[in-house]
PDB file of N, CA and C in Angstrom:
ATOM      1  N   UNK A   1      94.897 110.266  87.368  1.00  0.00           N
ATOM      2  CA  UNK A   1      93.925 110.610  88.494  1.00  0.00           C
ATOM      3  C   UNK A   1      94.444 109.593  89.540  1.00  0.00           C
ATOM      4  N   UNK A   2      94.620 108.332  89.370  1.00  0.00           N
ATOM      5  CA  UNK A   2      95.026 107.356  90.196  1.00  0.00           C
ATOM      6  C   UNK A   2      96.197 107.642  90.774  1.00  0.00           C
ATOM      7  N   UNK A   3      97.264 108.265  90.082  1.00  0.00           N
ATOM      8  CA  UNK A   3      98.557 108.647  90.638  1.00  0.00           C
ATOM      9  C   UNK A   3      98.418 109.676  91.615  1.00  0.00           C
ATOM     10  N   UNK A   4      97.609 110.729  91.286  1.00  0.00           N
ATOM     11  CA  UNK A   4      97.231 111.628  92.249  1.00  0.00           C
ATOM     12  C   UNK A   4      96.741 111.352  93.575  1.00  0.00           C
ATOM     13  N   UNK A   5      95.785 110.599  93.513  1.00  0.00           N
ATOM     14  CA  UNK A   5      95.151 109.918  94.724  1.00  0.00           C
ATOM     15  C   UNK A   5      96.060 109.192  95.482  1.00  0.00           C
ATOM     16  N   UNK A   6      96.721 108.125  94.804  1.00  0.00           N
ATOM     17  CA  UNK A   6      97.703 107.376  95.497  1.00  0.00           C
ATOM     18  C   UNK A   6      99.056 108.331  96.020  1.00  0.00           C
ATOM     19  N   UNK A   7      99.414 109.089  95.471  1.00  0.00           N
ATOM     20  CA  UNK A   7     100.177 110.157  96.084  1.00  0.00           C
ATOM     21  C   UNK A   7      99.833 110.882  97.406  1.00  0.00           C
ATOM     22  N   UNK A   8      98.549 111.211  97.324  1.00  0.00           N
ATOM     23  CA  UNK A   8      98.014 111.909  98.554  1.00  0.00           C
ATOM     24  C   UNK A   8      97.905 111.053  99.533  1.00  0.00           C
ATOM     25  N   UNK A   9      97.428 109.557  99.205  1.00  0.00           N
ATOM     26  CA  UNK A   9      97.204 108.877 100.296  1.00  0.00           C
ATOM     27  C   UNK A   9      98.672 108.310 100.846  1.00  0.00           C
ATOM     28  N   UNK A  10      99.732 108.172 100.210  1.00  0.00           N
ATOM     29  CA  UNK A  10     101.002 107.992 100.561  1.00  0.00           C
ATOM     30  C   UNK A  10     101.627 109.088 101.543  1.00  0.00           C
ATOM     31  N   UNK A  11     101.140 110.410 101.341  1.00  0.00           N
ATOM     32  CA  UNK A  11     101.625 111.446 102.112  1.00  0.00           C
ATOM     33  C   UNK A  11     101.041 111.428 103.477  1.00  0.00           C
ATOM     34  N   UNK A  12      99.964 110.811 103.637  1.00  0.00           N
ATOM     35  CA  UNK A  12      99.007 111.020 104.963  1.00  0.00           C
ATOM     36  C   UNK A  12      99.509 109.751 105.737  1.00  0.00           C
ATOM     37  N   UNK A  13     100.392 108.814 105.192  1.00  0.00           N
ATOM     38  CA  UNK A  13     100.760 107.512 105.879  1.00  0.00           C
ATOM     39  C   UNK A  13     101.195 107.824 107.362  1.00  0.00           C
ATOM     40  N   UNK A  14     101.110 107.137 108.306  1.00  0.00           N
ATOM     41  CA  UNK A  14     101.529 107.140 109.515  1.00  0.00           C
ATOM     42  C   UNK A  14     102.801 106.897 109.842  1.00  0.00           C
ATOM     43  N   UNK A  15     103.843 107.615 110.700  1.00  0.00           N
ATOM     44  CA  UNK A  15     105.391 107.349 110.725  1.00  0.00           C
ATOM     45  C   UNK A  15     105.646 105.946 110.817  1.00  0.00           C
ATOM     46  N   UNK A  16     104.685 104.956 111.414  1.00  0.00           N
ATOM     47  CA  UNK A  16     105.267 103.605 111.401  1.00  0.00           C
ATOM     48  C   UNK A  16     105.445 103.105 109.766  1.00  0.00           C
ATOM     49  N   UNK A  17     104.748 103.574 109.036  1.00  0.00           N
ATOM     50  CA  UNK A  17     104.964 103.034 107.758  1.00  0.00           C
ATOM     51  C   UNK A  17     105.856 104.097 106.659  1.00  0.00           C
ATOM     52  N   UNK A  18     106.444 104.932 107.315  1.00  0.00           N
ATOM     53  CA  UNK A  18     107.206 105.987 106.484  1.00  0.00           C
ATOM     54  C   UNK A  18     106.567 107.161 106.219  1.00  0.00           C
ATOM     55  N   UNK A  19     105.630 107.312 107.157  1.00  0.00           N
ATOM     56  CA  UNK A  19     104.800 108.841 107.016  1.00  0.00           C
ATOM     57  C   UNK A  19     105.562 110.013 107.448  1.00  0.00           C
ATOM     58  N   UNK A  20     106.647 109.862 108.281  1.00  0.00           N
ATOM     59  CA  UNK A  20     107.617 110.819 108.678  1.00  0.00           C
ATOM     60  C   UNK A  20     108.822 111.169 107.614  1.00  0.00           C
ATOM     61  N   UNK A  21     108.779 110.523 106.545  1.00  0.00           N
ATOM     62  CA  UNK A  21     109.908 110.805 105.469  1.00  0.00           C
ATOM     63  C   UNK A  21     109.516 112.256 104.991  1.00  0.00           C
ATOM     64  N   UNK A  22     110.772 112.920 104.574  1.00  0.00           N
ATOM     65  CA  UNK A  22     110.689 114.415 104.088  1.00  0.00           C
ATOM     66  C   UNK A  22     110.140 114.202 102.555  1.00  0.00           C
ATOM     67  N   UNK A  23     109.413 115.120 102.127  1.00  0.00           N
ATOM     68  CA  UNK A  23     108.856 115.320 100.845  1.00  0.00           C
ATOM     69  C   UNK A  23     110.000 115.849 100.033  1.00  0.00           C
ATOM     70  N   UNK A  24     110.239 115.525  98.647  1.00  0.00           N
ATOM     71  CA  UNK A  24     111.309 115.851  97.878  1.00  0.00           C
ATOM     72  C   UNK A  24     110.471 116.471  96.659  1.00  0.00           C
ATOM     73  N   UNK A  25     110.724 117.760  96.095  1.00  0.00           N
ATOM     74  CA  UNK A  25     110.052 118.420  95.206  1.00  0.00           C
ATOM     75  C   UNK A  25     110.891 118.022  93.969  1.00  0.00           C
ATOM     76  N   UNK A  26     110.318 117.230  92.770  1.00  0.00           N
ATOM     77  CA  UNK A  26     110.963 116.941  91.512  1.00  0.00           C
ATOM     78  C   UNK A  26     110.412 117.633  90.476  1.00  0.00           C
ATOM     79  N   UNK A  27     110.017 118.906  90.615  1.00  0.00           N
ATOM     80  CA  UNK A  27     109.549 119.485  89.417  1.00  0.00           C
ATOM     81  C   UNK A  27     110.643 119.710  88.416  1.00  0.00           C
ATOM     82  N   UNK A  28     111.894 119.927  88.838  1.00  0.00           N
ATOM     83  CA  UNK A  28     113.026 120.332  88.230  1.00  0.00           C
ATOM     84  C   UNK A  28     113.637 119.083  87.413  1.00  0.00           C
ATOM     85  N   UNK A  29     113.239 117.816  87.856  1.00  0.00           N
ATOM     86  CA  UNK A  29     113.966 116.748  87.340  1.00  0.00           C
ATOM     87  C   UNK A  29     112.994 116.191  86.141  1.00  0.00           C
ATOM     88  N   UNK A  30     113.875 115.631  85.063  1.00  0.00           N
ATOM     89  CA  UNK A  30     113.345 115.003  83.796  1.00  0.00           C
ATOM     90  C   UNK A  30     113.104 113.666  84.182  1.00  0.00           C
ATOM     91  N   UNK A  31     111.880 113.229  84.164  1.00  0.00           N
ATOM     92  CA  UNK A  31     111.587 111.818  84.528  1.00  0.00           C
ATOM     93  C   UNK A  31     111.624 111.044  83.348  1.00  0.00           C
ATOM     94  N   UNK A  32     111.252 111.697  82.071  1.00  0.00           N
ATOM     95  CA  UNK A  32     111.100 110.940  80.751  1.00  0.00           C
ATOM     96  C   UNK A  32     112.314 111.337  80.024  1.00  0.00           C
ATOM     97  N   UNK A  33     113.016 110.258  79.262  1.00  0.00           N
ATOM     98  CA  UNK A  33     114.075 110.468  78.598  1.00  0.00           C
ATOM     99  C   UNK A  33     113.684 111.607  77.471  1.00  0.00           C
ATOM    100  N   UNK A  34     114.557 112.040  76.980  1.00  0.00           N
ATOM    101  CA  UNK A  34     114.472 113.455  75.853  1.00  0.00           C
ATOM    102  C   UNK A  34     114.537 112.546  74.335  1.00  0.00           C
ATOM    103  N   UNK A  35     113.196 112.259  74.176  1.00  0.00           N
ATOM    104  CA  UNK A  35     112.823 111.698  72.861  1.00  0.00           C
ATOM    105  C   UNK A  35     112.179 112.659  71.983  1.00  0.00           C
ATOM    106  N   UNK A  36     112.434 112.527  70.465  1.00  0.00           N
ATOM    107  CA  UNK A  36     111.491 113.344  69.705  1.00  0.00           C
ATOM    108  C   UNK A  36     110.121 113.141  69.720  1.00  0.00           C
ATOM    109  N   UNK A  37     109.334 114.099  69.779  1.00  0.00           N
ATOM    110  CA  UNK A  37     107.783 113.629  69.981  1.00  0.00           C
ATOM    111  C   UNK A  37     107.075 113.085  68.810  1.00  0.00           C
ATOM    112  N   UNK A  38     107.589 113.662  67.492  1.00  0.00           N
ATOM    113  CA  UNK A  38     107.103 112.919  66.504  1.00  0.00           C
ATOM    114  C   UNK A  38     107.649 111.403  66.245  1.00  0.00           C
ATOM    115  N   UNK A  39     108.884 111.018  66.704  1.00  0.00           N
ATOM    116  CA  UNK A  39     109.272 109.857  66.787  1.00  0.00           C
ATOM    117  C   UNK A  39     108.607 108.808  67.683  1.00  0.00           C
ATOM    118  N   UNK A  40     108.295 109.399  68.800  1.00  0.00           N
ATOM    119  CA  UNK A  40     107.345 108.714  69.705  1.00  0.00           C
ATOM    120  C   UNK A  40     106.182 108.234  69.249  1.00  0.00           C
ATOM    121  N   UNK A  41     105.474 109.372  68.594  1.00  0.00           N
ATOM    122  CA  UNK A  41     104.024 109.159  68.179  1.00  0.00           C
ATOM    123  C   UNK A  41     103.986 108.123  66.789  1.00  0.00           C
ATOM    124  N   UNK A  42     105.082 108.405  66.160  1.00  0.00           N
ATOM    125  CA  UNK A  42     105.285 107.412  64.904  1.00  0.00           C
ATOM    126  C   UNK A  42     105.441 106.002  65.438  1.00  0.00           C
ATOM    127  N   UNK A  43     106.290 105.672  66.403  1.00  0.00           N
ATOM    128  CA  UNK A  43     106.436 104.353  67.225  1.00  0.00           C
ATOM    129  C   UNK A  43     105.336 103.773  67.729  1.00  0.00           C
ATOM    130  N   UNK A  44     104.686 104.482  68.443  1.00  0.00           N
ATOM    131  CA  UNK A  44     103.488 104.382  69.103  1.00  0.00           C
ATOM    132  C   UNK A  44     102.451 103.598  67.929  1.00  0.00           C
ATOM    133  N   UNK A  45     102.331 104.541  66.789  1.00  0.00           N
ATOM    134  CA  UNK A  45     101.246 104.151  65.890  1.00  0.00           C
ATOM    135  C   UNK A  45     101.699 102.833  65.127  1.00  0.00           C
ATOM    136  N   UNK A  46     102.951 102.767  64.820  1.00  0.00           N
ATOM    137  CA  UNK A  46     103.398 101.736  64.141  1.00  0.00           C
ATOM    138  C   UNK A  46     103.387 100.333  64.987  1.00  0.00           C
ATOM    139  N   UNK A  47     103.869 100.573  66.268  1.00  0.00           N
ATOM    140  CA  UNK A  47     103.768  99.392  67.207  1.00  0.00           C
ATOM    141  C   UNK A  47     102.291  98.937  67.080  1.00  0.00           C
ATOM    142  N   UNK A  48     101.240  99.673  67.112  1.00  0.00           N
ATOM    143  CA  UNK A  48     100.008  98.925  66.925  1.00  0.00           C
ATOM    144  C   UNK A  48      99.754  97.965  65.911  1.00  0.00           C
ATOM    145  N   UNK A  49     100.384  98.355  64.853  1.00  0.00           N
ATOM    146  CA  UNK A  49     100.370  97.457  63.605  1.00  0.00           C
ATOM    147  C   UNK A  49     101.149  96.236  63.768  1.00  0.00           C
ATOM    148  N   UNK A  50     102.220  96.523  64.405  1.00  0.00           N
ATOM    149  CA  UNK A  50     103.298  95.308  64.884  1.00  0.00           C
ATOM    150  C   UNK A  50     102.367  94.177  65.811  1.00  0.00           C
ATOM    151  N   UNK A  51     101.872  94.883  66.792  1.00  0.00           N
ATOM    152  CA  UNK A  51     101.080  93.860  67.732  1.00  0.00           C
ATOM    153  C   UNK A  51     100.045  93.143  67.022  1.00  0.00           C
ATOM    154  N   UNK A  52      99.476  93.522  65.694  1.00  0.00           N
ATOM    155  CA  UNK A  52      98.446  92.665  65.340  1.00  0.00           C
ATOM    156  C   UNK A  52      99.392  91.564  64.427  1.00  0.00           C
ATOM    157  N   UNK A  53     100.619  91.839  63.938  1.00  0.00           N
ATOM    158  CA  UNK A  53     101.321  90.972  63.130  1.00  0.00           C
ATOM    159  C   UNK A  53     102.042  89.954  64.065  1.00  0.00           C
ATOM    160  N   UNK A  54     102.483  90.586  65.246  1.00  0.00           N
ATOM    161  CA  UNK A  54     103.561  89.545  66.088  1.00  0.00           C
ATOM    162  C   UNK A  54     103.495  90.085  67.326  1.00  0.00           C
ATOM    163  N   UNK A  55     102.668  89.685  68.355  1.00  0.00           N
ATOM    164  CA  UNK A  55     102.550  90.283  69.556  1.00  0.00           C
ATOM    165  C   UNK A  55     103.801  90.237  70.609  1.00  0.00           C
ATOM    166  N   UNK A  56     104.508  89.035  70.330  1.00  0.00           N
ATOM    167  CA  UNK A  56     105.772  89.034  71.025  1.00  0.00           C
ATOM    168  C   UNK A  56     106.780  89.863  70.621  1.00  0.00           C
ATOM    169  N   UNK A  57     106.700  90.247  69.414  1.00  0.00           N
ATOM    170  CA  UNK A  57     107.797  91.362  68.916  1.00  0.00           C
ATOM    171  C   UNK A  57     107.519  92.405  69.480  1.00  0.00           C
ATOM    172  N   UNK A  58     106.293  92.619  69.367  1.00  0.00           N
ATOM    173  CA  UNK A  58     105.787  93.971  69.845  1.00  0.00           C
ATOM    174  C   UNK A  58     106.188  94.276  71.214  1.00  0.00           C
ATOM    175  N   UNK A  59     105.902  93.074  72.321  1.00  0.00           N
ATOM    176  CA  UNK A  59     106.207  93.419  73.557  1.00  0.00           C
ATOM    177  C   UNK A  59     107.818  93.481  73.856  1.00  0.00           C
ATOM    178  N   UNK A  60     108.487  92.937  72.779  1.00  0.00           N
ATOM    179  CA  UNK A  60     109.972  93.190  72.944  1.00  0.00           C
ATOM    180  C   UNK A  60     110.303  94.575  72.678  1.00  0.00           C
ATOM    181  N   UNK A  61     109.628  95.120  71.686  1.00  0.00           N
ATOM    182  CA  UNK A  61     109.948  96.612  71.411  1.00  0.00           C
ATOM    183  C   UNK A  61     109.661  97.292  72.517  1.00  0.00           C
ATOM    184  N   UNK A  62     108.379  97.156  73.143  1.00  0.00           N
ATOM    185  CA  UNK A  62     108.100  98.007  74.192  1.00  0.00           C
ATOM    186  C   UNK A  62     109.076  97.919  75.482  1.00  0.00           C
ATOM    187  N   UNK A  63     109.635  96.659  75.628  1.00  0.00           N
ATOM    188  CA  UNK A  63     110.614  96.686  76.721  1.00  0.00           C
ATOM    189  C   UNK A  63     111.873  97.091  76.356  1.00  0.00           C
ATOM    190  N   UNK A  64     112.398  96.970  75.174  1.00  0.00           N
ATOM    191  CA  UNK A  64     113.668  97.359  74.646  1.00  0.00           C
ATOM    192  C   UNK A  64     113.574  98.905  74.732  1.00  0.00           C
ATOM    193  N   UNK A  65     112.642  99.612  74.151  1.00  0.00           N
ATOM    194  CA  UNK A  65     112.489 100.980  73.557  1.00  0.00           C
ATOM    195  C   UNK A  65     112.049 101.733  74.698  1.00  0.00           C
ATOM    196  N   UNK A  66     110.864 101.556  75.024  1.00  0.00           N
ATOM    197  CA  UNK A  66     110.279 102.288  75.982  1.00  0.00           C
ATOM    198  C   UNK A  66     110.709 101.986  77.646  1.00  0.00           C
ATOM    199  N   UNK A  67     111.159 100.933  77.907  1.00  0.00           N
ATOM    200  CA  UNK A  67     111.593 100.540  79.280  1.00  0.00           C
ATOM    201  C   UNK A  67     113.055 100.364  79.538  1.00  0.00           C
ATOM    202  N   UNK A  68     113.833 100.386  78.276  1.00  0.00           N
ATOM    203  CA  UNK A  68     115.118 100.319  78.160  1.00  0.00           C
ATOM    204  C   UNK A  68     115.724  99.005  79.077  1.00  0.00           C
ATOM    205  N   UNK A  69     115.014  98.021  78.674  1.00  0.00           N
ATOM    206  CA  UNK A  69     115.508  96.910  79.444  1.00  0.00           C
ATOM    207  C   UNK A  69     116.385  95.977  78.471  1.00  0.00           C
ATOM    208  N   UNK A  70     117.356  95.380  79.005  1.00  0.00           N
ATOM    209  CA  UNK A  70     118.527  94.787  78.111  1.00  0.00           C
ATOM    210  C   UNK A  70     118.092  93.635  77.470  1.00  0.00           C
ATOM    211  N   UNK A  71     118.745  93.075  76.285  1.00  0.00           N
ATOM    212  CA  UNK A  71     118.300  91.761  75.622  1.00  0.00           C
ATOM    213  C   UNK A  71     118.196  90.820  76.630  1.00  0.00           C
ATOM    214  N   UNK A  72     119.042  90.517  77.191  1.00  0.00           N
ATOM    215  CA  UNK A  72     119.218  89.282  78.110  1.00  0.00           C
ATOM    216  C   UNK A  72     118.028  89.318  79.261  1.00  0.00           C
ATOM    217  N   UNK A  73     117.539  90.461  79.728  1.00  0.00           N
ATOM    218  CA  UNK A  73     116.319  90.603  80.588  1.00  0.00           C
ATOM    219  C   UNK A  73     115.176  90.479  79.906  1.00  0.00           C
ATOM    220  N   UNK A  74     115.130  91.055  78.751  1.00  0.00           N
ATOM    221  CA  UNK A  74     113.862  90.871  77.817  1.00  0.00           C
ATOM    222  C   UNK A  74     113.643  89.295  77.463  1.00  0.00           C
ATOM    223  N   UNK A  75     114.875  88.749  76.941  1.00  0.00           N
ATOM    224  CA  UNK A  75     114.653  87.247  76.698  1.00  0.00           C
ATOM    225  C   UNK A  75     114.190  86.493  77.953  1.00  0.00           C
ATOM    226  N   UNK A  76     114.675  86.905  79.039  1.00  0.00           N
ATOM    227  CA  UNK A  76     114.108  86.331  80.305  1.00  0.00           C
ATOM    228  C   UNK A  76     112.718  86.417  80.605  1.00  0.00           C
ATOM    229  N   UNK A  77     112.298  87.771  80.438  1.00  0.00           N
ATOM    230  CA  UNK A  77     110.783  87.910  80.547  1.00  0.00           C
ATOM    231  C   UNK A  77     109.861  87.438  79.594  1.00  0.00           C
ATOM    232  N   UNK A  78     110.346  87.376  78.432  1.00  0.00           N
ATOM    233  CA  UNK A  78     109.617  86.908  77.397  1.00  0.00           C
ATOM    234  C   UNK A  78     109.613  85.320  77.208  1.00  0.00           C
ATOM    235  N   UNK A  79     110.542  84.744  78.059  1.00  0.00           N
ATOM    236  CA  UNK A  79     110.690  83.320  78.007  1.00  0.00           C
ATOM    237  C   UNK A  79     111.234  82.708  76.581  1.00  0.00           C
ATOM    238  N   UNK A  80     112.263  83.602  76.091  1.00  0.00           N
ATOM    239  CA  UNK A  80     112.690  83.079  74.699  1.00  0.00           C
ATOM    240  C   UNK A  80     114.260  83.088  74.826  1.00  0.00           C
ATOM    241  N   UNK A  81     114.996  82.577  73.912  1.00  0.00           N
ATOM    242  CA  UNK A  81     116.489  82.486  74.045  1.00  0.00           C
ATOM    243  C   UNK A  81     116.935  83.826  73.888  1.00  0.00           C
ATOM    244  N   UNK A  82     118.251  84.067  74.249  1.00  0.00           N
ATOM    245  CA  UNK A  82     119.096  85.417  73.985  1.00  0.00           C
ATOM    246  C   UNK A  82     119.294  85.567  72.419  1.00  0.00           C
ATOM    247  N   UNK A  83     119.280  84.563  71.618  1.00  0.00           N
ATOM    248  CA  UNK A  83     119.625  84.725  70.292  1.00  0.00           C
ATOM    249  C   UNK A  83     118.277  85.187  69.620  1.00  0.00           C
ATOM    250  N   UNK A  84     117.168  84.398  69.933  1.00  0.00           N
ATOM    251  CA  UNK A  84     115.883  84.801  69.586  1.00  0.00           C
ATOM    252  C   UNK A  84     115.476  86.214  69.869  1.00  0.00           C
ATOM    253  N   UNK A  85     115.857  86.798  71.155  1.00  0.00           N
ATOM    254  CA  UNK A  85     115.472  88.106  71.335  1.00  0.00           C
ATOM    255  C   UNK A  85     116.394  89.136  70.471  1.00  0.00           C
ATOM    256  N   UNK A  86     117.497  88.667  70.472  1.00  0.00           N
ATOM    257  CA  UNK A  86     118.353  89.596  69.357  1.00  0.00           C
ATOM    258  C   UNK A  86     118.107  89.665  67.970  1.00  0.00           C
ATOM    259  N   UNK A  87     117.639  88.505  67.329  1.00  0.00           N
ATOM    260  CA  UNK A  87     117.134  88.480  66.099  1.00  0.00           C
ATOM    261  C   UNK A  87     115.926  89.139  66.017  1.00  0.00           C
ATOM    262  N   UNK A  88     114.926  88.872  67.043  1.00  0.00           N
ATOM    263  CA  UNK A  88     113.708  89.697  66.945  1.00  0.00           C
ATOM    264  C   UNK A  88     113.700  91.163  67.044  1.00  0.00           C
ATOM    265  N   UNK A  89     114.677  91.828  67.929  1.00  0.00           N
ATOM    266  CA  UNK A  89     115.074  93.027  68.026  1.00  0.00           C
ATOM    267  C   UNK A  89     115.555  93.738  66.757  1.00  0.00           C
ATOM    268  N   UNK A  90     116.590  92.925  66.120  1.00  0.00           N
ATOM    269  CA  UNK A  90     117.032  93.350  64.932  1.00  0.00           C
ATOM    270  C   UNK A  90     115.968  93.591  63.818  1.00  0.00           C
ATOM    271  N   UNK A  91     115.033  92.496  63.769  1.00  0.00           N
ATOM    272  CA  UNK A  91     114.087  92.308  62.789  1.00  0.00           C
ATOM    273  C   UNK A  91     113.042  93.494  63.123  1.00  0.00           C
ATOM    274  N   UNK A  92     112.644  93.829  64.423  1.00  0.00           N
ATOM    275  CA  UNK A  92     111.655  94.705  64.795  1.00  0.00           C
ATOM    276  C   UNK A  92     112.188  96.267  64.524  1.00  0.00           C
ATOM    277  N   UNK A  93     113.441  96.460  64.682  1.00  0.00           N
ATOM    278  CA  UNK A  93     114.049  97.760  64.356  1.00  0.00           C
ATOM    279  C   UNK A  93     113.842  97.985  62.901  1.00  0.00           C
ATOM    280  N   UNK A  94     114.307  96.952  62.118  1.00  0.00           N
ATOM    281  CA  UNK A  94     114.384  97.394  60.635  1.00  0.00           C
ATOM    282  C   UNK A  94     112.937  97.427  60.361  1.00  0.00           C
ATOM    283  N   UNK A  95     111.973  96.654  60.753  1.00  0.00           N
ATOM    284  CA  UNK A  95     110.476  96.733  60.317  1.00  0.00           C
ATOM    285  C   UNK A  95     109.878  98.045  60.593  1.00  0.00           C
ATOM    286  N   UNK A  96     110.299  98.624  61.931  1.00  0.00           N
ATOM    287  CA  UNK A  96     109.737  99.905  62.451  1.00  0.00           C
ATOM    288  C   UNK A  96     110.461 100.999  61.492  1.00  0.00           C
ATOM    289  N   UNK A  97     111.709 100.882  61.130  1.00  0.00           N
ATOM    290  CA  UNK A  97     112.199 102.090  60.313  1.00  0.00           C
ATOM    291  C   UNK A  97     111.596 101.963  59.124  1.00  0.00           C
ATOM    292  N   UNK A  98     111.583 100.725  58.365  1.00  0.00           N
ATOM    293  CA  UNK A  98     110.771 100.855  57.108  1.00  0.00           C
ATOM    294  C   UNK A  98     109.314 101.191  57.042  1.00  0.00           C
ATOM    295  N   UNK A  99     108.812 101.002  58.002  1.00  0.00           N
ATOM    296  CA  UNK A  99     107.341 101.259  58.018  1.00  0.00           C
ATOM    297  C   UNK A  99     107.197 102.854  58.237  1.00  0.00           C
ATOM    298  N   UNK A 100     107.739 103.337  59.223  1.00  0.00           N
ATOM    299  CA  UNK A 100     107.721 104.870  59.480  1.00  0.00           C
ATOM    300  C   UNK A 100     108.368 105.352  58.400  1.00  0.00           C
ATOM    301  N   UNK A 101     109.386 105.238  57.695  1.00  0.00           N
ATOM    302  CA  UNK A 101     109.996 105.814  56.535  1.00  0.00           C
ATOM    303  C   UNK A 101     108.831 105.901  55.583  1.00  0.00           C
ATOM    304  N   UNK A 102     108.294 104.702  55.397  1.00  0.00           N
ATOM    305  CA  UNK A 102     107.344 104.770  54.265  1.00  0.00           C
ATOM    306  C   UNK A 102     106.137 105.636  54.353  1.00  0.00           C
ATOM    307  N   UNK A 103     105.616 105.914  55.634  1.00  0.00           N
ATOM    308  CA  UNK A 103     104.587 106.718  56.028  1.00  0.00           C
ATOM    309  C   UNK A 103     104.811 108.200  55.882  1.00  0.00           C
ATOM    310  N   UNK A 104     106.192 108.369  56.003  1.00  0.00           N
ATOM    311  CA  UNK A 104     106.392 109.943  55.871  1.00  0.00           C
ATOM    312  C   UNK A 104     107.061 110.480  54.541  1.00  0.00           C
TER     313      UNK A 104
END
């Protein structure tokens, strides 16, 4: 609802603040990447378990998997070294794989 209200407010902005820009219809554009729905649900549920175990690794997974942020930028965002980010990413991928595989 918030996005709808903000979109409405932005459309009514005066020309001085970009209100004279042309609207573009994005109905035919895929905004979300094409992921398997079951895969996303499984990762979301398993990520909740990982957050309880290690919140930093869970945040790394969110940045890498959902936001598609590079390992280097993830390391900077989490204030950890690149090697730690790579190691944690490898650990998280293996942990997620095994946990999801055991649930199915």
